[in-house]
Amino acid sequence: SAWIGEHHFNSLGVLSCPDLVLSYIAARTEKIRLAPAVTVLPLHNPIRVAEQWATLDLLSNGRVDFAIGRGYDSKEYAPFHVDFANNQSIFEEGLEVVLELWNSNKKLSHKGKHYSFEDVRITPKPVQKPIPTYVGSFSQPSIDLAARLGLGLIVAPFASTMSFGGLQKVADLYRETCEKLDNKPQRMMCSYFTHFADNDEQQAEQRARQIRYYKECVIPSFPGDPKNTPPSYKYFNAMVEKLHNVQPEHLTENSILIGSSQQIIDTLKKVEETGIEEVILYINVGQKPHNQVKDEMARFMAEVAPAFSD
């Protein structure tokens, strides 16, 4: 599967339109699944989102995995005139609209706090019924939303460790929340920064790349002055402080995949034990040379993936 991020106006913003890039990939492939990582839903009209991804699902003959989140960078919100401080409410209503439009064969009317419309039915409909849908989560409200709507969950190990104490704890919390709401837990995934390193020199180089990525790309995108952080993002303040002070030795399996093929396999076996079924690999990190990125992707498939062939 190919997971293409959406970012705007910053050092992460090398790609603002994952749907367009994935439509190009769809035309050149036959099997690979196509997904955003993630669609920042509050920045878009949910009717348009439902139309675009239903169309891609049709063009690809049912290969879309859909993932949504609310992002974490207020600077991405400002030019679109969307209320960053209130984006949890906008996000939840927008997601409900997308799901209703995909799943209904009748014209729908909606009168909500943020969106309203009369007699809308999108065409074409998606091939998949339903499109597999995941909530990208750093926080309790997103876990609650995924459980309430019967959706899958995607988490980042470094954020899960800081917010909940680790992948196992966030996986258990998601399952418990689903059970309380009488919903069946859906597929869980996580995303890992990935670096091969076979000796001390390579370890040092790869850890330096990861820290550079945190400090030059991630930290500038997080909420700035802690005093002005919206209530739903307060948990980010502790994350930002830790990332400002991160040292090479802090980069453990709770935040990145690093080491030999066997070391990476060992970490992923622990991830598998939590019930997480798929891992998104971020390999192009910290200005890693392109040939090295391709080599590490090939090495992963040759040396690591076979350990999970079942």
C-alpha atoms as a PDB file:
ATOM      1  CA  SER A   1       0.000   0.000   0.000  1.00  0.00           C
ATOM      2  CA  ALA A   2       1.129   3.569  -0.699  1.00  0.00           C
ATOM      3  CA  TRP A   3       0.312   6.185   1.938  1.00  0.00           C
ATOM      4  CA  ILE A   4       0.685   9.774   0.737  1.00  0.00           C
ATOM      5  CA  GLY A   5       0.651  12.610   3.272  1.00  0.00           C
ATOM      6  CA  GLU A   6      -1.156  15.937   2.988  1.00  0.00           C
ATOM      7  CA  HIS A   7       0.657  19.052   4.160  1.00  0.00           C
ATOM      8  CA  HIS A   8       0.548  22.704   3.148  1.00  0.00           C
ATOM      9  CA  PHE A   9       2.884  25.693   3.215  1.00  0.00           C
ATOM     10  CA  ASN A  10       5.721  24.252   5.336  1.00  0.00           C
ATOM     11  CA  SER A  11       8.772  21.998   5.339  1.00  0.00           C
ATOM     12  CA  LEU A  12       6.504  18.944   5.369  1.00  0.00           C
ATOM     13  CA  GLY A  13       4.421  20.427   2.557  1.00  0.00           C
ATOM     14  CA  VAL A  14       6.001  18.702  -0.402  1.00  0.00           C
ATOM     15  CA  LEU A  15       2.632  17.270  -1.354  1.00  0.00           C
ATOM     16  CA  SER A  16      -0.707  19.009  -0.891  1.00  0.00           C
ATOM     17  CA  CYS A  17      -2.919  16.783  -3.082  1.00  0.00           C
ATOM     18  CA  PRO A  18      -2.602  13.075  -2.249  1.00  0.00           C
ATOM     19  CA  ASP A  19      -5.719  12.260  -4.283  1.00  0.00           C
ATOM     20  CA  LEU A  20      -4.111  13.556  -7.483  1.00  0.00           C
ATOM     21  CA  VAL A  21      -0.832  11.722  -6.920  1.00  0.00           C
ATOM     22  CA  LEU A  22      -2.628   8.507  -6.049  1.00  0.00           C
ATOM     23  CA  SER A  23      -4.771   8.725  -9.189  1.00  0.00           C
ATOM     24  CA  TYR A  24      -1.536   8.775 -11.194  1.00  0.00           C
ATOM     25  CA  ILE A  25      -0.254   5.769  -9.236  1.00  0.00           C
ATOM     26  CA  ALA A  26      -3.594   3.988  -9.754  1.00  0.00           C
ATOM     27  CA  ALA A  27      -3.255   4.303 -13.523  1.00  0.00           C
ATOM     28  CA  ARG A  28       0.218   2.751 -13.492  1.00  0.00           C
ATOM     29  CA  THR A  29      -0.480  -0.152 -11.102  1.00  0.00           C
ATOM     30  CA  GLU A  30      -2.899  -3.022 -10.648  1.00  0.00           C
ATOM     31  CA  LYS A  31      -2.668  -4.289  -7.052  1.00  0.00           C
ATOM     32  CA  ILE A  32      -1.176  -1.736  -4.675  1.00  0.00           C
ATOM     33  CA  ARG A  33      -3.679  -0.094  -2.342  1.00  0.00           C
ATOM     34  CA  LEU A  34      -3.932   3.693  -2.307  1.00  0.00           C
ATOM     35  CA  ALA A  35      -4.300   5.840   0.782  1.00  0.00           C
ATOM     36  CA  PRO A  36      -3.856   9.340   2.187  1.00  0.00           C
ATOM     37  CA  ALA A  37      -1.767   9.644   5.342  1.00  0.00           C
ATOM     38  CA  VAL A  38      -3.960  11.466   6.166  1.00  0.00           C
ATOM     39  CA  THR A  39      -6.600  13.692   4.573  1.00  0.00           C
ATOM     40  CA  VAL A  40      -6.767  16.759   6.849  1.00  0.00           C
ATOM     41  CA  LEU A  41     -10.534  16.743   6.758  1.00  0.00           C
ATOM     42  CA  PRO A  42     -11.374  20.113   8.388  1.00  0.00           C
ATOM     43  CA  LEU A  43      -9.530  21.898   5.552  1.00  0.00           C
ATOM     44  CA  HIS A  44     -11.983  20.539   2.963  1.00  0.00           C
ATOM     45  CA  ASN A  45     -15.697  20.478   2.272  1.00  0.00           C
ATOM     46  CA  PRO A  46     -16.776  16.930   3.190  1.00  0.00           C
ATOM     47  CA  ILE A  47     -19.017  16.642   0.116  1.00  0.00           C
ATOM     48  CA  ARG A  48     -16.008  17.236  -2.119  1.00  0.00           C
ATOM     49  CA  VAL A  49     -13.903  14.774  -0.119  1.00  0.00           C
ATOM     50  CA  ALA A  50     -16.577  12.102  -0.501  1.00  0.00           C
ATOM     51  CA  GLU A  51     -16.721  12.720  -4.264  1.00  0.00           C
ATOM     52  CA  GLN A  52     -12.953  12.699  -4.808  1.00  0.00           C
ATOM     53  CA  TRP A  53     -12.192   9.495  -2.939  1.00  0.00           C
ATOM     54  CA  ALA A  54     -15.245   7.682  -4.309  1.00  0.00           C
ATOM     55  CA  THR A  55     -13.986   8.562  -7.783  1.00  0.00           C
ATOM     56  CA  LEU A  56     -10.485   7.260  -6.999  1.00  0.00           C
ATOM     57  CA  ASP A  57     -12.014   4.057  -5.645  1.00  0.00           C
ATOM     58  CA  LEU A  58     -13.836   3.637  -8.976  1.00  0.00           C
ATOM     59  CA  LEU A  59     -10.767   4.445 -11.087  1.00  0.00           C
ATOM     60  CA  SER A  60      -8.648   1.969  -9.113  1.00  0.00           C
ATOM     61  CA  ASN A  61     -11.324  -0.749  -9.014  1.00  0.00           C
ATOM     62  CA  GLY A  62     -11.699  -0.672  -5.249  1.00  0.00           C
ATOM     63  CA  ARG A  63      -8.151  -0.115  -4.039  1.00  0.00           C
ATOM     64  CA  VAL A  64      -8.677   2.885  -1.737  1.00  0.00           C
ATOM     65  CA  ASP A  65      -7.959   2.850   1.990  1.00  0.00           C
ATOM     66  CA  PHE A  66      -9.194   6.153   3.396  1.00  0.00           C
ATOM     67  CA  ALA A  67      -7.586   7.799   6.421  1.00  0.00           C
ATOM     68  CA  ILE A  68      -8.490  11.105   8.007  1.00  0.00           C
ATOM     69  CA  GLY A  69      -7.174  13.336  10.749  1.00  0.00           C
ATOM     70  CA  ARG A  70      -7.376  16.933  11.882  1.00  0.00           C
ATOM     71  CA  GLY A  71      -3.665  17.744  11.596  1.00  0.00           C
ATOM     72  CA  TYR A  72      -1.677  19.713  14.126  1.00  0.00           C
ATOM     73  CA  ASP A  73      -0.397  22.828  12.326  1.00  0.00           C
ATOM     74  CA  SER A  74      -2.421  26.015  12.756  1.00  0.00           C
ATOM     75  CA  LYS A  75      -0.437  27.622   9.929  1.00  0.00           C
ATOM     76  CA  GLU A  76      -2.070  25.166   7.519  1.00  0.00           C
ATOM     77  CA  TYR A  77      -5.508  26.250   8.706  1.00  0.00           C
ATOM     78  CA  ALA A  78      -5.154  30.042   8.585  1.00  0.00           C
ATOM     79  CA  PRO A  79      -5.077  30.586   4.776  1.00  0.00           C
ATOM     80  CA  PHE A  80      -8.186  28.411   4.418  1.00  0.00           C
ATOM     81  CA  HIS A  81     -10.005  30.445   7.100  1.00  0.00           C
ATOM     82  CA  VAL A  82     -10.800  27.339   9.160  1.00  0.00           C
ATOM     83  CA  ASP A  83     -11.021  27.577  12.954  1.00  0.00           C
ATOM     84  CA  PHE A  84      -8.029  25.585  14.235  1.00  0.00           C
ATOM     85  CA  ALA A  85      -9.071  25.854  17.881  1.00  0.00           C
ATOM     86  CA  ASN A  86     -12.446  24.283  17.104  1.00  0.00           C
ATOM     87  CA  ASN A  87     -11.291  21.695  14.600  1.00  0.00           C
ATOM     88  CA  GLN A  88     -12.297  18.630  16.635  1.00  0.00           C
ATOM     89  CA  SER A  89     -15.964  19.528  16.229  1.00  0.00           C
ATOM     90  CA  ILE A  90     -15.476  20.356  12.531  1.00  0.00           C
ATOM     91  CA  PHE A  91     -13.582  17.089  12.027  1.00  0.00           C
ATOM     92  CA  GLU A  92     -16.205  14.878  13.649  1.00  0.00           C
ATOM     93  CA  GLU A  93     -19.134  16.389  11.763  1.00  0.00           C
ATOM     94  CA  GLY A  94     -17.251  16.334   8.455  1.00  0.00           C
ATOM     95  CA  LEU A  95     -16.369  12.666   8.864  1.00  0.00           C
ATOM     96  CA  GLU A  96     -19.975  11.736   9.590  1.00  0.00           C
ATOM     97  CA  VAL A  97     -21.029  13.571   6.409  1.00  0.00           C
ATOM     98  CA  VAL A  98     -18.452  11.715   4.272  1.00  0.00           C
ATOM     99  CA  LEU A  99     -19.561   8.334   5.574  1.00  0.00           C
ATOM    100  CA  GLU A 100     -23.265   9.132   5.089  1.00  0.00           C
ATOM    101  CA  LEU A 101     -22.712  10.237   1.495  1.00  0.00           C
ATOM    102  CA  TRP A 102     -20.760   7.084   0.642  1.00  0.00           C
ATOM    103  CA  ASN A 103     -23.225   4.719   2.238  1.00  0.00           C
ATOM    104  CA  SER A 104     -26.577   6.188   1.170  1.00  0.00           C
ATOM    105  CA  ASN A 105     -28.280   5.561  -2.160  1.00  0.00           C
ATOM    106  CA  LYS A 106     -30.823   8.280  -1.460  1.00  0.00           C
ATOM    107  CA  LYS A 107     -30.526  12.034  -1.539  1.00  0.00           C
ATOM    108  CA  LEU A 108     -29.410  13.352   1.829  1.00  0.00           C
ATOM    109  CA  SER A 109     -30.053  16.588   3.676  1.00  0.00           C
ATOM    110  CA  HIS A 110     -27.859  17.712   6.548  1.00  0.00           C
ATOM    111  CA  LYS A 111     -28.206  20.589   9.000  1.00  0.00           C
ATOM    112  CA  GLY A 112     -25.283  20.689  11.392  1.00  0.00           C
ATOM    113  CA  LYS A 113     -23.160  23.148  13.298  1.00  0.00           C
ATOM    114  CA  HIS A 114     -20.581  23.494  10.527  1.00  0.00           C
ATOM    115  CA  TYR A 115     -22.170  22.081   7.353  1.00  0.00           C
ATOM    116  CA  SER A 116     -25.630  22.162   5.831  1.00  0.00           C
ATOM    117  CA  PHE A 117     -27.053  21.049   2.489  1.00  0.00           C
ATOM    118  CA  GLU A 118     -30.250  19.810   0.886  1.00  0.00           C
ATOM    119  CA  ASP A 119     -30.930  16.818  -1.366  1.00  0.00           C
ATOM    120  CA  VAL A 120     -27.364  15.698  -2.133  1.00  0.00           C
ATOM    121  CA  ARG A 121     -26.408  12.314  -3.562  1.00  0.00           C
ATOM    122  CA  ILE A 122     -22.865  11.819  -4.795  1.00  0.00           C
ATOM    123  CA  THR A 123     -22.109  10.079  -8.059  1.00  0.00           C
ATOM    124  CA  PRO A 124     -20.328   7.875  -8.770  1.00  0.00           C
ATOM    125  CA  LYS A 125     -20.482   5.699  -5.687  1.00  0.00           C
ATOM    126  CA  PRO A 126     -17.351   3.914  -4.447  1.00  0.00           C
ATOM    127  CA  VAL A 127     -16.723   0.348  -5.577  1.00  0.00           C
ATOM    128  CA  GLN A 128     -16.061  -0.818  -2.010  1.00  0.00           C
ATOM    129  CA  LYS A 129     -18.997  -0.982   0.359  1.00  0.00           C
ATOM    130  CA  PRO A 130     -17.701   0.387   2.600  1.00  0.00           C
ATOM    131  CA  ILE A 131     -14.341   1.964   1.795  1.00  0.00           C
ATOM    132  CA  PRO A 132     -11.997   0.869   4.638  1.00  0.00           C
ATOM    133  CA  THR A 133     -11.688   4.006   6.757  1.00  0.00           C
ATOM    134  CA  TYR A 134      -9.204   4.855   9.495  1.00  0.00           C
ATOM    135  CA  VAL A 135      -8.862   7.694  11.981  1.00  0.00           C
ATOM    136  CA  GLY A 136      -5.316   8.951  12.454  1.00  0.00           C
ATOM    137  CA  SER A 137      -4.986   9.387  16.199  1.00  0.00           C
ATOM    138  CA  PHE A 138      -2.658  11.126  18.619  1.00  0.00           C
ATOM    139  CA  SER A 139      -5.355  11.665  21.268  1.00  0.00           C
ATOM    140  CA  GLN A 140      -8.249  10.218  23.240  1.00  0.00           C
ATOM    141  CA  PRO A 141     -10.970  12.102  21.283  1.00  0.00           C
ATOM    142  CA  SER A 142      -9.820  10.503  18.018  1.00  0.00           C
ATOM    143  CA  ILE A 143      -9.820   7.029  19.587  1.00  0.00           C
ATOM    144  CA  ASP A 144     -13.343   7.670  20.889  1.00  0.00           C
ATOM    145  CA  LEU A 145     -14.462   8.822  17.439  1.00  0.00           C
ATOM    146  CA  ALA A 146     -13.056   5.768  15.662  1.00  0.00           C
ATOM    147  CA  ALA A 147     -14.700   3.456  18.187  1.00  0.00           C
ATOM    148  CA  ARG A 148     -18.056   5.254  17.997  1.00  0.00           C
ATOM    149  CA  LEU A 149     -18.222   5.172  14.202  1.00  0.00           C
ATOM    150  CA  GLY A 150     -16.845   1.640  13.885  1.00  0.00           C
ATOM    151  CA  LEU A 151     -13.687   2.727  12.061  1.00  0.00           C
ATOM    152  CA  GLY A 152     -10.089   1.518  12.067  1.00  0.00           C
ATOM    153  CA  LEU A 153      -7.295   3.318  13.880  1.00  0.00           C
ATOM    154  CA  ILE A 154      -3.799   4.467  12.876  1.00  0.00           C
ATOM    155  CA  VAL A 155      -1.348   5.564  15.573  1.00  0.00           C
ATOM    156  CA  ALA A 156       2.269   6.748  15.662  1.00  0.00           C
ATOM    157  CA  PRO A 157       4.454   4.811  18.142  1.00  0.00           C
ATOM    158  CA  PHE A 158       6.370   7.882  19.343  1.00  0.00           C
ATOM    159  CA  ALA A 159       3.114   9.743  20.028  1.00  0.00           C
ATOM    160  CA  SER A 160       1.448   6.684  21.572  1.00  0.00           C
ATOM    161  CA  THR A 161       4.355   6.276  23.970  1.00  0.00           C
ATOM    162  CA  MET A 162       4.206   9.913  25.057  1.00  0.00           C
ATOM    163  CA  SER A 163       0.393  10.061  25.319  1.00  0.00           C
ATOM    164  CA  PHE A 164      -0.601   6.587  26.487  1.00  0.00           C
ATOM    165  CA  GLY A 165       2.551   4.711  27.495  1.00  0.00           C
ATOM    166  CA  GLY A 166       3.028   2.560  24.402  1.00  0.00           C
ATOM    167  CA  LEU A 167       1.368   0.781  21.499  1.00  0.00           C
ATOM    168  CA  GLN A 168      -0.086  -2.009  23.635  1.00  0.00           C
ATOM    169  CA  LYS A 169      -1.849   0.479  25.892  1.00  0.00           C
ATOM    170  CA  VAL A 170      -3.376   2.452  23.034  1.00  0.00           C
ATOM    171  CA  ALA A 171      -4.461  -0.771  21.300  1.00  0.00           C
ATOM    172  CA  ASP A 172      -6.111  -1.992  24.508  1.00  0.00           C
ATOM    173  CA  LEU A 173      -7.790   1.385  25.020  1.00  0.00           C
ATOM    174  CA  TYR A 174      -9.236   1.328  21.500  1.00  0.00           C
ATOM    175  CA  ARG A 175     -10.587  -2.206  21.950  1.00  0.00           C
ATOM    176  CA  GLU A 176     -12.058  -1.376  25.363  1.00  0.00           C
ATOM    177  CA  THR A 177     -13.730   1.749  23.989  1.00  0.00           C
ATOM    178  CA  CYS A 178     -15.248  -0.242  21.106  1.00  0.00           C
ATOM    179  CA  GLU A 179     -16.587  -2.826  23.537  1.00  0.00           C
ATOM    180  CA  LYS A 180     -18.198  -0.152  25.735  1.00  0.00           C
ATOM    181  CA  LEU A 181     -20.010   1.151  22.651  1.00  0.00           C
ATOM    182  CA  ASP A 182     -20.974  -2.356  21.454  1.00  0.00           C
ATOM    183  CA  ASN A 183     -18.930  -1.926  18.285  1.00  0.00           C
ATOM    184  CA  LYS A 184     -16.528  -4.461  16.851  1.00  0.00           C
ATOM    185  CA  PRO A 185     -12.904  -3.246  16.857  1.00  0.00           C
ATOM    186  CA  GLN A 186     -11.627  -2.715  13.337  1.00  0.00           C
ATOM    187  CA  ARG A 187      -8.159  -2.981  11.824  1.00  0.00           C
ATOM    188  CA  MET A 188      -5.378  -1.176  13.692  1.00  0.00           C
ATOM    189  CA  MET A 189      -2.236   0.187  12.088  1.00  0.00           C
ATOM    190  CA  CYS A 190       0.795   2.206  13.118  1.00  0.00           C
ATOM    191  CA  SER A 191       3.450   4.239  11.325  1.00  0.00           C
ATOM    192  CA  TYR A 192       7.176   3.896  11.986  1.00  0.00           C
ATOM    193  CA  PHE A 193      10.224   5.889  10.958  1.00  0.00           C
ATOM    194  CA  THR A 194      12.533   3.208   9.549  1.00  0.00           C
ATOM    195  CA  HIS A 195      16.335   3.056   9.353  1.00  0.00           C
ATOM    196  CA  PHE A 196      18.664   0.150   8.600  1.00  0.00           C
ATOM    197  CA  ALA A 197      21.960   0.302  10.527  1.00  0.00           C
ATOM    198  CA  ASP A 198      24.456  -2.553  10.731  1.00  0.00           C
ATOM    199  CA  ASN A 199      27.257  -0.909  12.706  1.00  0.00           C
ATOM    200  CA  ASP A 200      27.938   1.950  15.122  1.00  0.00           C
ATOM    201  CA  GLU A 201      28.752   4.431  12.380  1.00  0.00           C
ATOM    202  CA  GLN A 202      25.487   3.754  10.545  1.00  0.00           C
ATOM    203  CA  GLN A 203      23.576   3.931  13.829  1.00  0.00           C
ATOM    204  CA  ALA A 204      24.984   7.399  14.497  1.00  0.00           C
ATOM    205  CA  GLU A 205      24.207   8.606  10.977  1.00  0.00           C
ATOM    206  CA  GLN A 206      20.638   7.307  11.037  1.00  0.00           C
ATOM    207  CA  ARG A 207      19.874   8.665  14.498  1.00  0.00           C
ATOM    208  CA  ALA A 208      21.204  12.061  13.425  1.00  0.00           C
ATOM    209  CA  ARG A 209      18.881  11.971  10.411  1.00  0.00           C
ATOM    210  CA  GLN A 210      15.894  11.239  12.626  1.00  0.00           C
ATOM    211  CA  ILE A 211      16.692  14.053  15.059  1.00  0.00           C
ATOM    212  CA  ARG A 212      17.195  16.437  12.150  1.00  0.00           C
ATOM    213  CA  TYR A 213      13.759  15.483  10.842  1.00  0.00           C
ATOM    214  CA  TYR A 214      12.141  16.094  14.219  1.00  0.00           C
ATOM    215  CA  LYS A 215      13.786  19.478  14.697  1.00  0.00           C
ATOM    216  CA  GLU A 216      13.562  20.859  11.152  1.00  0.00           C
ATOM    217  CA  CYS A 217      10.208  19.412  10.022  1.00  0.00           C
ATOM    218  CA  VAL A 218       8.082  18.189  12.911  1.00  0.00           C
ATOM    219  CA  ILE A 219       8.638  20.673  15.734  1.00  0.00           C
ATOM    220  CA  PRO A 220       7.990  23.793  13.585  1.00  0.00           C
ATOM    221  CA  SER A 221       4.636  22.293  12.585  1.00  0.00           C
ATOM    222  CA  PHE A 222       3.405  21.652  16.122  1.00  0.00           C
ATOM    223  CA  PRO A 223       1.476  24.281  18.101  1.00  0.00           C
ATOM    224  CA  GLY A 224       3.800  27.092  19.189  1.00  0.00           C
ATOM    225  CA  ASP A 225       3.390  28.976  22.474  1.00  0.00           C
ATOM    226  CA  PRO A 226       2.063  26.472  25.060  1.00  0.00           C
ATOM    227  CA  LYS A 227      -0.082  29.233  26.559  1.00  0.00           C
ATOM    228  CA  ASN A 228      -1.994  29.541  23.290  1.00  0.00           C
ATOM    229  CA  THR A 229      -2.430  25.833  22.580  1.00  0.00           C
ATOM    230  CA  PRO A 230      -6.122  24.958  22.081  1.00  0.00           C
ATOM    231  CA  PRO A 231      -7.530  22.614  24.757  1.00  0.00           C
ATOM    232  CA  SER A 232      -7.770  19.660  22.368  1.00  0.00           C
ATOM    233  CA  TYR A 233      -4.021  19.958  21.640  1.00  0.00           C
ATOM    234  CA  LYS A 234      -2.675  20.403  25.181  1.00  0.00           C
ATOM    235  CA  TYR A 235      -1.073  16.962  25.034  1.00  0.00           C
ATOM    236  CA  PHE A 236       1.195  18.250  22.244  1.00  0.00           C
ATOM    237  CA  ASN A 237       3.015  20.561  24.655  1.00  0.00           C
ATOM    238  CA  ALA A 238       4.758  17.656  26.380  1.00  0.00           C
ATOM    239  CA  MET A 239       5.587  16.083  23.001  1.00  0.00           C
ATOM    240  CA  VAL A 240       7.191  19.270  21.717  1.00  0.00           C
ATOM    241  CA  GLU A 241       9.272  19.658  24.875  1.00  0.00           C
ATOM    242  CA  LYS A 242      10.539  16.082  24.586  1.00  0.00           C
ATOM    243  CA  LEU A 243      11.369  16.465  20.899  1.00  0.00           C
ATOM    244  CA  HIS A 244      13.273  19.683  21.579  1.00  0.00           C
ATOM    245  CA  ASN A 245      15.471  17.754  23.992  1.00  0.00           C
ATOM    246  CA  VAL A 246      15.711  14.442  22.160  1.00  0.00           C
ATOM    247  CA  GLN A 247      19.095  12.735  22.176  1.00  0.00           C
ATOM    248  CA  PRO A 248      20.293   9.812  19.999  1.00  0.00           C
ATOM    249  CA  GLU A 249      19.951   7.346  22.875  1.00  0.00           C
ATOM    250  CA  HIS A 250      16.281   8.332  23.303  1.00  0.00           C
ATOM    251  CA  LEU A 251      15.421   6.837  19.900  1.00  0.00           C
ATOM    252  CA  THR A 252      14.264   3.382  20.960  1.00  0.00           C
ATOM    253  CA  GLU A 253      11.783   0.910  19.480  1.00  0.00           C
ATOM    254  CA  ASN A 254       9.072   3.051  21.100  1.00  0.00           C
ATOM    255  CA  SER A 255       9.675   5.666  18.442  1.00  0.00           C
ATOM    256  CA  ILE A 256      11.596   4.269  15.434  1.00  0.00           C
ATOM    257  CA  LEU A 257      12.614   1.059  13.679  1.00  0.00           C
ATOM    258  CA  ILE A 258      16.392   0.990  13.589  1.00  0.00           C
ATOM    259  CA  GLY A 259      19.121  -1.605  13.336  1.00  0.00           C
ATOM    260  CA  SER A 260      19.836  -4.749  11.391  1.00  0.00           C
ATOM    261  CA  SER A 261      17.131  -6.699   9.583  1.00  0.00           C
ATOM    262  CA  GLN A 262      16.835  -9.051  12.549  1.00  0.00           C
ATOM    263  CA  GLN A 263      16.515  -6.179  15.019  1.00  0.00           C
ATOM    264  CA  ILE A 264      13.735  -4.659  12.923  1.00  0.00           C
ATOM    265  CA  ILE A 265      11.993  -8.040  12.719  1.00  0.00           C
ATOM    266  CA  ASP A 266      12.219  -8.411  16.507  1.00  0.00           C
ATOM    267  CA  THR A 267      10.597  -5.004  17.043  1.00  0.00           C
ATOM    268  CA  LEU A 268       7.846  -5.695  14.538  1.00  0.00           C
ATOM    269  CA  LYS A 269       7.080  -9.038  16.191  1.00  0.00           C
ATOM    270  CA  LYS A 270       6.352  -7.087  19.390  1.00  0.00           C
ATOM    271  CA  VAL A 271       4.111  -4.750  17.405  1.00  0.00           C
ATOM    272  CA  GLU A 272       2.302  -7.760  15.954  1.00  0.00           C
ATOM    273  CA  GLU A 273       1.610  -9.064  19.464  1.00  0.00           C
ATOM    274  CA  THR A 274      -0.407  -5.917  20.266  1.00  0.00           C
ATOM    275  CA  GLY A 275      -2.942  -6.785  17.566  1.00  0.00           C
ATOM    276  CA  ILE A 276      -1.754  -4.135  15.119  1.00  0.00           C
ATOM    277  CA  GLU A 277      -2.088  -5.610  11.630  1.00  0.00           C
ATOM    278  CA  GLU A 278      -0.182  -3.246   9.336  1.00  0.00           C
ATOM    279  CA  VAL A 279       2.777  -0.890   9.640  1.00  0.00           C
ATOM    280  CA  ILE A 280       3.329   2.181   7.459  1.00  0.00           C
ATOM    281  CA  LEU A 281       7.053   2.731   6.905  1.00  0.00           C
ATOM    282  CA  TYR A 282       8.529   6.229   6.665  1.00  0.00           C
ATOM    283  CA  ILE A 283      11.954   5.632   5.132  1.00  0.00           C
ATOM    284  CA  ASN A 284      12.722   8.953   3.408  1.00  0.00           C
ATOM    285  CA  VAL A 285      13.601  10.880   6.560  1.00  0.00           C
ATOM    286  CA  GLY A 286      16.244  13.475   7.413  1.00  0.00           C
ATOM    287  CA  GLN A 287      17.457  14.069   3.853  1.00  0.00           C
ATOM    288  CA  LYS A 288      18.400  10.438   3.368  1.00  0.00           C
ATOM    289  CA  PRO A 289      19.877  10.070  -0.163  1.00  0.00           C
ATOM    290  CA  HIS A 290      17.335   8.812  -2.665  1.00  0.00           C
ATOM    291  CA  ASN A 291      19.351   5.752  -3.663  1.00  0.00           C
ATOM    292  CA  GLN A 292      19.635   4.817   0.005  1.00  0.00           C
ATOM    293  CA  VAL A 293      15.859   5.163   0.401  1.00  0.00           C
ATOM    294  CA  LYS A 294      15.294   2.789  -2.515  1.00  0.00           C
ATOM    295  CA  ASP A 295      17.913   0.359  -1.211  1.00  0.00           C
ATOM    296  CA  GLU A 296      16.301   0.281   2.234  1.00  0.00           C
ATOM    297  CA  MET A 297      12.853  -0.297   0.726  1.00  0.00           C
ATOM    298  CA  ALA A 298      14.207  -3.226  -1.302  1.00  0.00           C
ATOM    299  CA  ARG A 299      16.086  -4.580   1.702  1.00  0.00           C
ATOM    300  CA  PHE A 300      12.950  -4.453   3.837  1.00  0.00           C
ATOM    301  CA  MET A 301      11.005  -6.536   1.311  1.00  0.00           C
ATOM    302  CA  ALA A 302      13.851  -9.021   0.862  1.00  0.00           C
ATOM    303  CA  GLU A 303      14.996  -9.448   4.471  1.00  0.00           C
ATOM    304  CA  VAL A 304      12.181  -8.339   6.810  1.00  0.00           C
ATOM    305  CA  ALA A 305       8.830  -8.869   5.067  1.00  0.00           C
ATOM    306  CA  PRO A 306       9.257 -12.657   4.660  1.00  0.00           C
ATOM    307  CA  ALA A 307       9.198 -12.996   8.459  1.00  0.00           C
ATOM    308  CA  PHE A 308       5.560 -11.860   8.291  1.00  0.00           C
ATOM    309  CA  SER A 309       4.439 -13.804   5.239  1.00  0.00           C
ATOM    310  CA  ASP A 310       1.524 -15.408   7.101  1.00  0.00           C
END
